[in-house]
Amino acid sequence: MNAVQHLHDMPRRVAAIVAAIVAVVFGIVTVIAGGRVLFGGSDPGYVVFRPLLMFNTAMGVAYITAGLAIWRGAQWRVVATGTIAVLNLVVLGAIVFVYARGGGVAIDSLRAMTFRSVVWLALLVSLAWKRNRNT
């Protein structure tokens, strides 16, 4: 690879490194926070919708896995990121529905799930941009 090509590829590499770090750190924080609440070590200060807590904690492991796939440049990294984004959006839609019907979902849970969805959509866009620029 010549110097010009190396400089041309640098923004894509930086984007992938940042995406990988964000995914892994986000996953670790999600697993730790969810695990602490699930096992009674922490009280978030609002009503916990247990199915959402279990989903998010399990997804933390998926976040870490996807982050490692991004880091390694695995062929399935975009599929993993897209799947996570879609699952988060589906669950966001479900908890909006439960919340609107007066179910036990806290507004903080809606905000957190919206944040998760936005983060994973941003990661997906970043990876799709990187992939399209490689072709």
N, C-alpha and C. Protein backbone atom coordinates (compact mmCIF):
# COMPACT_ATOMS: atom_id res chain seq x y z
N MET A 1 0.86 -1.17 0.00
CA MET A 1 0.00 0.00 0.00
C MET A 1 0.90 1.23 0.00
N ASN A 2 0.64 2.15 -0.91
CA ASN A 2 1.46 3.36 -0.96
C ASN A 2 0.96 4.38 0.06
N ALA A 3 1.73 5.44 0.25
CA ALA A 3 1.42 6.44 1.27
C ALA A 3 0.11 7.14 1.00
N VAL A 4 -0.17 7.43 -0.27
CA VAL A 4 -1.42 8.12 -0.61
C VAL A 4 -2.62 7.23 -0.29
N GLN A 5 -2.56 5.95 -0.63
CA GLN A 5 -3.65 5.03 -0.32
C GLN A 5 -3.83 4.89 1.19
N HIS A 6 -2.71 4.85 1.90
CA HIS A 6 -2.75 4.75 3.36
C HIS A 6 -3.49 5.95 3.96
N LEU A 7 -3.17 7.15 3.48
CA LEU A 7 -3.85 8.36 3.96
C LEU A 7 -5.33 8.36 3.57
N HIS A 8 -5.62 7.86 2.40
CA HIS A 8 -7.00 7.78 1.93
C HIS A 8 -7.83 6.83 2.80
N ASP A 9 -7.24 5.75 3.25
CA ASP A 9 -7.94 4.76 4.07
C ASP A 9 -8.02 5.13 5.55
N MET A 10 -7.23 6.10 5.98
CA MET A 10 -7.17 6.45 7.40
C MET A 10 -8.53 6.80 8.00
N PRO A 11 -9.37 7.66 7.38
CA PRO A 11 -10.67 7.96 8.01
C PRO A 11 -11.54 6.73 8.21
N ARG A 12 -11.49 5.79 7.28
CA ARG A 12 -12.28 4.56 7.43
C ARG A 12 -11.75 3.72 8.59
N ARG A 13 -10.44 3.63 8.70
CA ARG A 13 -9.87 2.87 9.81
C ARG A 13 -10.21 3.51 11.15
N VAL A 14 -10.10 4.82 11.21
CA VAL A 14 -10.43 5.52 12.46
C VAL A 14 -11.90 5.31 12.80
N ALA A 15 -12.78 5.39 11.81
CA ALA A 15 -14.21 5.17 12.04
C ALA A 15 -14.46 3.77 12.59
N ALA A 16 -13.79 2.77 12.04
CA ALA A 16 -13.97 1.39 12.51
C ALA A 16 -13.44 1.23 13.93
N ILE A 17 -12.31 1.82 14.22
CA ILE A 17 -11.73 1.72 15.58
C ILE A 17 -12.66 2.38 16.59
N VAL A 18 -13.14 3.57 16.26
CA VAL A 18 -14.06 4.28 17.16
C VAL A 18 -15.34 3.47 17.35
N ALA A 19 -15.89 2.93 16.26
CA ALA A 19 -17.11 2.12 16.35
C ALA A 19 -16.89 0.90 17.24
N ALA A 20 -15.76 0.24 17.07
CA ALA A 20 -15.46 -0.94 17.88
C ALA A 20 -15.35 -0.59 19.36
N ILE A 21 -14.64 0.48 19.65
CA ILE A 21 -14.46 0.90 21.05
C ILE A 21 -15.80 1.29 21.67
N VAL A 22 -16.60 2.06 20.93
CA VAL A 22 -17.92 2.46 21.44
C VAL A 22 -18.77 1.22 21.73
N ALA A 23 -18.79 0.27 20.80
CA ALA A 23 -19.61 -0.94 20.96
C ALA A 23 -19.18 -1.75 22.17
N VAL A 24 -17.86 -1.97 22.31
CA VAL A 24 -17.37 -2.79 23.42
C VAL A 24 -17.59 -2.09 24.76
N VAL A 25 -17.26 -0.82 24.85
CA VAL A 25 -17.44 -0.09 26.11
C VAL A 25 -18.93 -0.01 26.46
N PHE A 26 -19.75 0.27 25.47
CA PHE A 26 -21.20 0.32 25.69
C PHE A 26 -21.70 -1.03 26.20
N GLY A 27 -21.19 -2.11 25.63
CA GLY A 27 -21.57 -3.46 26.05
C GLY A 27 -21.15 -3.76 27.47
N ILE A 28 -19.91 -3.42 27.80
CA ILE A 28 -19.41 -3.69 29.16
C ILE A 28 -20.23 -2.91 30.19
N VAL A 29 -20.48 -1.64 29.91
CA VAL A 29 -21.27 -0.82 30.84
C VAL A 29 -22.69 -1.38 30.97
N THR A 30 -23.26 -1.82 29.87
CA THR A 30 -24.62 -2.38 29.88
C THR A 30 -24.69 -3.66 30.71
N VAL A 31 -23.72 -4.55 30.53
CA VAL A 31 -23.71 -5.81 31.29
C VAL A 31 -23.53 -5.53 32.77
N ILE A 32 -22.60 -4.65 33.10
CA ILE A 32 -22.35 -4.34 34.53
C ILE A 32 -23.57 -3.69 35.16
N ALA A 33 -24.12 -2.66 34.52
CA ALA A 33 -25.27 -1.96 35.09
C ALA A 33 -26.48 -2.89 35.19
N GLY A 34 -26.76 -3.63 34.12
CA GLY A 34 -27.89 -4.55 34.14
C GLY A 34 -27.71 -5.65 35.16
N GLY A 35 -26.52 -6.21 35.23
CA GLY A 35 -26.23 -7.27 36.20
C GLY A 35 -26.39 -6.81 37.63
N ARG A 36 -25.94 -5.60 37.90
CA ARG A 36 -26.07 -5.06 39.26
C ARG A 36 -27.53 -4.93 39.67
N VAL A 37 -28.37 -4.46 38.75
CA VAL A 37 -29.79 -4.31 39.07
C VAL A 37 -30.46 -5.68 39.15
N LEU A 38 -30.15 -6.57 38.20
CA LEU A 38 -30.75 -7.91 38.19
C LEU A 38 -30.46 -8.68 39.47
N PHE A 39 -29.24 -8.54 39.97
CA PHE A 39 -28.84 -9.31 41.14
C PHE A 39 -28.97 -8.53 42.45
N GLY A 40 -29.69 -7.41 42.40
CA GLY A 40 -30.02 -6.68 43.61
C GLY A 40 -28.92 -5.82 44.18
N GLY A 41 -27.87 -5.59 43.45
CA GLY A 41 -26.77 -4.79 43.96
C GLY A 41 -26.93 -3.30 43.74
N SER A 42 -27.96 -2.91 43.00
CA SER A 42 -28.15 -1.50 42.68
C SER A 42 -29.63 -1.23 42.46
N ASP A 43 -30.07 -0.06 42.92
CA ASP A 43 -31.45 0.38 42.71
C ASP A 43 -31.39 1.61 41.81
N PRO A 44 -31.97 1.52 40.60
CA PRO A 44 -31.88 2.66 39.69
C PRO A 44 -32.72 3.86 40.11
N GLY A 45 -33.61 3.69 41.07
CA GLY A 45 -34.43 4.80 41.55
C GLY A 45 -35.75 4.96 40.82
N TYR A 46 -36.11 3.99 40.02
CA TYR A 46 -37.39 4.01 39.32
C TYR A 46 -37.84 2.57 39.12
N VAL A 47 -39.11 2.40 38.73
CA VAL A 47 -39.67 1.07 38.52
C VAL A 47 -38.94 0.40 37.36
N VAL A 48 -38.47 -0.80 37.61
CA VAL A 48 -37.73 -1.55 36.59
C VAL A 48 -38.68 -2.50 35.88
N PHE A 49 -38.73 -2.39 34.57
CA PHE A 49 -39.50 -3.31 33.74
C PHE A 49 -38.57 -4.49 33.47
N ARG A 50 -38.74 -5.54 34.23
CA ARG A 50 -37.79 -6.66 34.26
C ARG A 50 -37.51 -7.27 32.87
N PRO A 51 -38.51 -7.48 32.01
CA PRO A 51 -38.18 -8.03 30.69
C PRO A 51 -37.22 -7.12 29.91
N LEU A 52 -37.37 -5.82 30.05
CA LEU A 52 -36.46 -4.89 29.37
C LEU A 52 -35.06 -4.98 29.98
N LEU A 53 -34.98 -5.07 31.27
CA LEU A 53 -33.69 -5.19 31.94
C LEU A 53 -32.97 -6.46 31.50
N MET A 54 -33.69 -7.56 31.42
CA MET A 54 -33.07 -8.82 30.98
C MET A 54 -32.63 -8.72 29.52
N PHE A 55 -33.46 -8.13 28.68
CA PHE A 55 -33.09 -7.95 27.28
C PHE A 55 -31.82 -7.11 27.16
N ASN A 56 -31.80 -5.97 27.84
CA ASN A 56 -30.65 -5.08 27.73
C ASN A 56 -29.37 -5.71 28.26
N THR A 57 -29.48 -6.46 29.33
CA THR A 57 -28.29 -7.11 29.88
C THR A 57 -27.76 -8.15 28.91
N ALA A 58 -28.65 -8.95 28.35
CA ALA A 58 -28.23 -9.94 27.35
C ALA A 58 -27.65 -9.26 26.11
N MET A 59 -28.26 -8.15 25.71
CA MET A 59 -27.76 -7.43 24.54
C MET A 59 -26.38 -6.84 24.80
N GLY A 60 -26.06 -6.57 26.05
CA GLY A 60 -24.72 -6.09 26.37
C GLY A 60 -23.66 -7.06 25.88
N VAL A 61 -23.93 -8.34 26.02
CA VAL A 61 -23.01 -9.37 25.52
C VAL A 61 -22.94 -9.30 23.99
N ALA A 62 -24.08 -9.09 23.35
CA ALA A 62 -24.10 -8.95 21.88
C ALA A 62 -23.34 -7.70 21.46
N TYR A 63 -23.44 -6.63 22.23
CA TYR A 63 -22.70 -5.39 21.92
C TYR A 63 -21.19 -5.66 21.93
N ILE A 64 -20.74 -6.38 22.95
CA ILE A 64 -19.31 -6.70 23.05
C ILE A 64 -18.89 -7.56 21.87
N THR A 65 -19.69 -8.57 21.55
CA THR A 65 -19.37 -9.46 20.44
C THR A 65 -19.30 -8.68 19.12
N ALA A 66 -20.28 -7.81 18.89
CA ALA A 66 -20.29 -7.01 17.67
C ALA A 66 -19.08 -6.07 17.64
N GLY A 67 -18.75 -5.49 18.78
CA GLY A 67 -17.59 -4.60 18.84
C GLY A 67 -16.30 -5.32 18.49
N LEU A 68 -16.15 -6.54 18.98
CA LEU A 68 -14.97 -7.33 18.65
C LEU A 68 -14.95 -7.70 17.17
N ALA A 69 -16.13 -7.96 16.61
CA ALA A 69 -16.22 -8.26 15.17
C ALA A 69 -15.83 -7.03 14.35
N ILE A 70 -16.26 -5.86 14.79
CA ILE A 70 -15.89 -4.63 14.10
C ILE A 70 -14.37 -4.44 14.18
N TRP A 71 -13.82 -4.62 15.36
CA TRP A 71 -12.38 -4.45 15.58
C TRP A 71 -11.58 -5.37 14.66
N ARG A 72 -12.02 -6.60 14.56
CA ARG A 72 -11.29 -7.59 13.76
C ARG A 72 -11.60 -7.52 12.27
N GLY A 73 -12.59 -6.71 11.90
CA GLY A 73 -12.96 -6.60 10.49
C GLY A 73 -13.70 -7.82 9.98
N ALA A 74 -14.42 -8.50 10.87
CA ALA A 74 -15.15 -9.71 10.48
C ALA A 74 -16.17 -9.39 9.39
N GLN A 75 -16.39 -10.34 8.51
CA GLN A 75 -17.32 -10.17 7.40
C GLN A 75 -18.74 -9.87 7.90
N TRP A 76 -19.11 -10.38 9.05
CA TRP A 76 -20.48 -10.27 9.55
C TRP A 76 -20.70 -9.06 10.47
N ARG A 77 -19.73 -8.17 10.56
CA ARG A 77 -19.83 -7.04 11.49
C ARG A 77 -21.01 -6.12 11.18
N VAL A 78 -21.28 -5.86 9.90
CA VAL A 78 -22.39 -4.97 9.55
C VAL A 78 -23.73 -5.67 9.83
N VAL A 79 -23.80 -6.95 9.57
CA VAL A 79 -25.03 -7.71 9.85
C VAL A 79 -25.29 -7.71 11.36
N ALA A 80 -24.25 -7.93 12.16
CA ALA A 80 -24.41 -7.93 13.62
C ALA A 80 -24.89 -6.57 14.11
N THR A 81 -24.26 -5.52 13.60
CA THR A 81 -24.63 -4.17 14.02
C THR A 81 -26.05 -3.83 13.59
N GLY A 82 -26.41 -4.20 12.38
CA GLY A 82 -27.77 -3.97 11.90
C GLY A 82 -28.80 -4.74 12.69
N THR A 83 -28.48 -5.98 13.02
CA THR A 83 -29.40 -6.80 13.81
C THR A 83 -29.63 -6.19 15.19
N ILE A 84 -28.55 -5.73 15.81
CA ILE A 84 -28.67 -5.09 17.12
C ILE A 84 -29.52 -3.82 17.01
N ALA A 85 -29.27 -3.01 15.99
CA ALA A 85 -30.05 -1.78 15.81
C ALA A 85 -31.54 -2.10 15.64
N VAL A 86 -31.84 -3.09 14.81
CA VAL A 86 -33.24 -3.46 14.56
C VAL A 86 -33.89 -4.00 15.84
N LEU A 87 -33.19 -4.89 16.54
CA LEU A 87 -33.76 -5.44 17.78
C LEU A 87 -34.02 -4.33 18.80
N ASN A 88 -33.09 -3.39 18.92
CA ASN A 88 -33.30 -2.27 19.85
C ASN A 88 -34.51 -1.44 19.44
N LEU A 89 -34.66 -1.20 18.14
CA LEU A 89 -35.82 -0.43 17.68
C LEU A 89 -37.14 -1.16 17.92
N VAL A 90 -37.14 -2.47 17.71
CA VAL A 90 -38.34 -3.27 17.96
C VAL A 90 -38.72 -3.21 19.44
N VAL A 91 -37.73 -3.38 20.30
CA VAL A 91 -37.99 -3.34 21.74
C VAL A 91 -38.41 -1.93 22.15
N LEU A 92 -37.78 -0.91 21.58
CA LEU A 92 -38.20 0.46 21.86
C LEU A 92 -39.68 0.64 21.50
N GLY A 93 -40.07 0.17 20.34
CA GLY A 93 -41.48 0.25 19.94
C GLY A 93 -42.39 -0.47 20.92
N ALA A 94 -41.95 -1.63 21.38
CA ALA A 94 -42.76 -2.41 22.32
C ALA A 94 -42.92 -1.69 23.65
N ILE A 95 -41.83 -1.12 24.16
CA ILE A 95 -41.96 -0.46 25.47
C ILE A 95 -42.69 0.88 25.35
N VAL A 96 -42.63 1.53 24.20
CA VAL A 96 -43.45 2.73 23.98
C VAL A 96 -44.92 2.33 24.06
N PHE A 97 -45.26 1.21 23.44
CA PHE A 97 -46.63 0.71 23.46
C PHE A 97 -47.05 0.40 24.90
N VAL A 98 -46.21 -0.30 25.65
CA VAL A 98 -46.53 -0.64 27.06
C VAL A 98 -46.68 0.63 27.88
N TYR A 99 -45.77 1.57 27.69
CA TYR A 99 -45.81 2.84 28.43
C TYR A 99 -47.09 3.60 28.12
N ALA A 100 -47.45 3.66 26.85
CA ALA A 100 -48.65 4.40 26.43
C ALA A 100 -49.92 3.80 27.02
N ARG A 101 -49.90 2.52 27.30
CA ARG A 101 -51.06 1.84 27.89
C ARG A 101 -51.01 1.83 29.42
N GLY A 102 -50.07 2.58 29.99
CA GLY A 102 -49.99 2.68 31.45
C GLY A 102 -49.23 1.55 32.10
N GLY A 103 -48.46 0.80 31.31
CA GLY A 103 -47.68 -0.32 31.86
C GLY A 103 -46.52 0.17 32.71
N GLY A 104 -45.84 -0.76 33.32
CA GLY A 104 -44.78 -0.47 34.27
C GLY A 104 -43.44 -0.14 33.65
N VAL A 105 -43.44 0.76 32.68
CA VAL A 105 -42.18 1.19 32.06
C VAL A 105 -41.93 2.63 32.46
N ALA A 106 -40.76 2.88 33.03
CA ALA A 106 -40.40 4.24 33.46
C ALA A 106 -39.97 5.06 32.25
N ILE A 107 -40.19 6.37 32.33
CA ILE A 107 -39.76 7.27 31.27
C ILE A 107 -38.24 7.18 31.09
N ASP A 108 -37.51 6.94 32.18
CA ASP A 108 -36.05 6.77 32.08
C ASP A 108 -35.70 5.58 31.22
N SER A 109 -36.50 4.53 31.28
CA SER A 109 -36.27 3.35 30.44
C SER A 109 -36.49 3.70 28.97
N LEU A 110 -37.50 4.50 28.69
CA LEU A 110 -37.75 4.93 27.31
C LEU A 110 -36.57 5.77 26.80
N ARG A 111 -36.09 6.65 27.63
CA ARG A 111 -34.95 7.49 27.23
C ARG A 111 -33.71 6.64 26.98
N ALA A 112 -33.45 5.70 27.88
CA ALA A 112 -32.26 4.84 27.74
C ALA A 112 -32.36 3.97 26.49
N MET A 113 -33.55 3.44 26.22
CA MET A 113 -33.72 2.59 25.04
C MET A 113 -33.62 3.41 23.76
N THR A 114 -34.10 4.64 23.80
CA THR A 114 -33.95 5.54 22.66
C THR A 114 -32.47 5.82 22.42
N PHE A 115 -31.73 6.08 23.49
CA PHE A 115 -30.29 6.32 23.38
C PHE A 115 -29.58 5.11 22.77
N ARG A 116 -29.90 3.91 23.29
CA ARG A 116 -29.30 2.69 22.74
C ARG A 116 -29.57 2.56 21.25
N SER A 117 -30.82 2.81 20.88
CA SER A 117 -31.20 2.69 19.47
C SER A 117 -30.44 3.68 18.60
N VAL A 118 -30.31 4.91 19.07
CA VAL A 118 -29.59 5.94 18.31
C VAL A 118 -28.11 5.56 18.18
N VAL A 119 -27.51 5.09 19.27
CA VAL A 119 -26.10 4.70 19.22
C VAL A 119 -25.89 3.60 18.18
N TRP A 120 -26.73 2.58 18.21
CA TRP A 120 -26.54 1.46 17.27
C TRP A 120 -26.89 1.83 15.84
N LEU A 121 -27.82 2.74 15.65
CA LEU A 121 -28.08 3.23 14.29
C LEU A 121 -26.88 4.02 13.78
N ALA A 122 -26.27 4.82 14.66
CA ALA A 122 -25.07 5.58 14.28
C ALA A 122 -23.92 4.64 13.94
N LEU A 123 -23.74 3.59 14.73
CA LEU A 123 -22.70 2.62 14.43
C LEU A 123 -22.96 1.94 13.09
N LEU A 124 -24.21 1.61 12.83
CA LEU A 124 -24.57 0.98 11.56
C LEU A 124 -24.28 1.91 10.39
N VAL A 125 -24.66 3.16 10.51
CA VAL A 125 -24.40 4.13 9.44
C VAL A 125 -22.90 4.28 9.22
N SER A 126 -22.14 4.34 10.31
CA SER A 126 -20.69 4.45 10.21
C SER A 126 -20.08 3.26 9.47
N LEU A 127 -20.53 2.06 9.81
CA LEU A 127 -19.99 0.86 9.16
C LEU A 127 -20.45 0.75 7.72
N ALA A 128 -21.68 1.14 7.45
CA ALA A 128 -22.19 1.10 6.08
C ALA A 128 -21.42 2.10 5.22
N TRP A 129 -21.13 3.27 5.77
CA TRP A 129 -20.33 4.28 5.06
C TRP A 129 -18.95 3.72 4.76
N LYS A 130 -18.36 3.10 5.76
CA LYS A 130 -17.03 2.53 5.58
C LYS A 130 -17.05 1.45 4.50
N ARG A 131 -18.06 0.59 4.54
CA ARG A 131 -18.14 -0.50 3.57
C ARG A 131 -18.38 0.05 2.17
N ASN A 132 -19.26 1.02 2.03
CA ASN A 132 -19.53 1.59 0.71
C ASN A 132 -18.33 2.34 0.14
N ARG A 133 -17.53 2.93 1.00
CA ARG A 133 -16.34 3.63 0.55
C ARG A 133 -15.25 2.65 0.11
N ASN A 134 -15.33 1.41 0.58
CA ASN A 134 -14.33 0.40 0.21
C ASN A 134 -14.60 -0.19 -1.16
N THR A 135 -15.81 -0.01 -1.69
CA THR A 135 -16.15 -0.61 -2.97
C THR A 135 -15.85 0.32 -4.13
